[in-house]
Amino acid sequence: MSSSPVPMGGIFVAVTGPSGSGKTSVCKALLAGFPQLRFSVSLTTRPPRPSEVDGEPSSASGSGAAT
């Protein structure tokens, strides 16, 4: 990765993968290493699970809290 600053226009990075593949862990590591980055919760096309909270990342264990 380059150490140059992010351009003012910004860049969009999508982290995708199946449930439980570590997407949240990757995002947390990126945010820790690059404080200028911002995190945005997206949506899914499947119905919400009972333990999920709108606007919060979900976990593979179904607890509704990201680990």
C-alpha atoms as a PDB file:
ATOM      1  CA  MET A   1       0.000   0.000   0.000  1.00  0.00           C
ATOM      2  CA  SER A   2       1.128   3.504  -0.695  1.00  0.00           C
ATOM      3  CA  SER A   3       1.750   5.961   2.116  1.00  0.00           C
ATOM      4  CA  SER A   4       0.513   8.868   0.002  1.00  0.00           C
ATOM      5  CA  PRO A   5      -2.612  10.632   1.253  1.00  0.00           C
ATOM      6  CA  VAL A   6      -6.044   9.741  -0.086  1.00  0.00           C
ATOM      7  CA  PRO A   7      -7.094  12.258  -2.784  1.00  0.00           C
ATOM      8  CA  MET A   8      -9.710  14.835  -1.795  1.00  0.00           C
ATOM      9  CA  GLY A   9     -12.223  13.221  -4.151  1.00  0.00           C
ATOM     10  CA  GLY A  10     -11.804   9.966  -2.268  1.00  0.00           C
ATOM     11  CA  ILE A  11     -11.888   6.405  -3.410  1.00  0.00           C
ATOM     12  CA  PHE A  12     -14.453   3.690  -2.847  1.00  0.00           C
ATOM     13  CA  VAL A  13     -13.304   0.307  -1.586  1.00  0.00           C
ATOM     14  CA  ALA A  14     -15.762  -2.591  -1.347  1.00  0.00           C
ATOM     15  CA  VAL A  15     -14.833  -5.491   0.907  1.00  0.00           C
ATOM     16  CA  THR A  16     -16.925  -8.476  -0.121  1.00  0.00           C
ATOM     17  CA  GLY A  17     -17.051 -12.140   0.768  1.00  0.00           C
ATOM     18  CA  PRO A  18     -19.262 -14.846   2.178  1.00  0.00           C
ATOM     19  CA  SER A  19     -20.530 -14.777   5.739  1.00  0.00           C
ATOM     20  CA  GLY A  20     -17.783 -15.464   8.246  1.00  0.00           C
ATOM     21  CA  SER A  21     -14.914 -14.787   5.835  1.00  0.00           C
ATOM     22  CA  GLY A  22     -13.407 -11.960   7.903  1.00  0.00           C
ATOM     23  CA  LYS A  23     -14.719  -8.841   6.144  1.00  0.00           C
ATOM     24  CA  THR A  24     -15.225  -6.963   9.433  1.00  0.00           C
ATOM     25  CA  SER A  25     -11.755  -7.975  10.649  1.00  0.00           C
ATOM     26  CA  VAL A  26     -10.202  -6.657   7.436  1.00  0.00           C
ATOM     27  CA  CYS A  27     -12.131  -3.388   7.762  1.00  0.00           C
ATOM     28  CA  LYS A  28     -11.104  -2.957  11.412  1.00  0.00           C
ATOM     29  CA  ALA A  29      -7.442  -3.496  10.491  1.00  0.00           C
ATOM     30  CA  LEU A  30      -7.657  -0.988   7.635  1.00  0.00           C
ATOM     31  CA  LEU A  31      -9.368   1.591   9.855  1.00  0.00           C
ATOM     32  CA  ALA A  32      -6.711   1.128  12.552  1.00  0.00           C
ATOM     33  CA  GLY A  33      -3.895   1.592  10.036  1.00  0.00           C
ATOM     34  CA  PHE A  34      -5.482   4.399   8.040  1.00  0.00           C
ATOM     35  CA  PRO A  35      -7.491   6.742  10.311  1.00  0.00           C
ATOM     36  CA  GLN A  36      -8.541   8.883   7.328  1.00  0.00           C
ATOM     37  CA  LEU A  37     -10.734   6.002   6.083  1.00  0.00           C
ATOM     38  CA  ARG A  38     -14.434   5.834   6.919  1.00  0.00           C
ATOM     39  CA  PHE A  39     -16.653   2.770   7.380  1.00  0.00           C
ATOM     40  CA  SER A  40     -20.089   2.490   5.815  1.00  0.00           C
ATOM     41  CA  VAL A  41     -22.558  -0.295   6.579  1.00  0.00           C
ATOM     42  CA  SER A  42     -24.271  -1.612   3.455  1.00  0.00           C
ATOM     43  CA  LEU A  43     -27.328  -3.794   3.025  1.00  0.00           C
ATOM     44  CA  THR A  44     -28.205  -7.313   2.060  1.00  0.00           C
ATOM     45  CA  THR A  45     -31.019  -8.675  -0.048  1.00  0.00           C
ATOM     46  CA  ARG A  46     -31.870 -11.461   2.388  1.00  0.00           C
ATOM     47  CA  PRO A  47     -34.379 -10.949   5.216  1.00  0.00           C
ATOM     48  CA  PRO A  48     -32.825  -9.784   8.512  1.00  0.00           C
ATOM     49  CA  ARG A  49     -32.034 -12.393  11.130  1.00  0.00           C
ATOM     50  CA  PRO A  50     -33.779 -11.972  14.509  1.00  0.00           C
ATOM     51  CA  SER A  51     -30.507 -11.005  16.231  1.00  0.00           C
ATOM     52  CA  GLU A  52     -29.459  -8.380  13.671  1.00  0.00           C
ATOM     53  CA  VAL A  53     -29.729  -4.666  14.403  1.00  0.00           C
ATOM     54  CA  ASP A  54     -30.368  -2.261  11.512  1.00  0.00           C
ATOM     55  CA  GLY A  55     -27.201  -0.299  10.653  1.00  0.00           C
ATOM     56  CA  GLU A  56     -24.846  -2.567  12.637  1.00  0.00           C
ATOM     57  CA  PRO A  57     -22.509  -5.190  11.216  1.00  0.00           C
ATOM     58  CA  SER A  58     -23.603  -8.752  11.844  1.00  0.00           C
ATOM     59  CA  SER A  59     -21.454 -11.709  12.836  1.00  0.00           C
ATOM     60  CA  ALA A  60     -21.299 -15.251  11.531  1.00  0.00           C
ATOM     61  CA  SER A  61     -22.287 -16.555  14.979  1.00  0.00           C
ATOM     62  CA  GLY A  62     -25.636 -14.785  14.701  1.00  0.00           C
ATOM     63  CA  SER A  63     -25.107 -12.759  17.897  1.00  0.00           C
ATOM     64  CA  GLY A  64     -25.575  -9.498  15.989  1.00  0.00           C
ATOM     65  CA  ALA A  65     -22.313  -8.075  17.328  1.00  0.00           C
ATOM     66  CA  ALA A  66     -19.186  -7.874  15.239  1.00  0.00           C
ATOM     67  CA  THR A  67     -16.189  -9.575  16.795  1.00  0.00           C
END
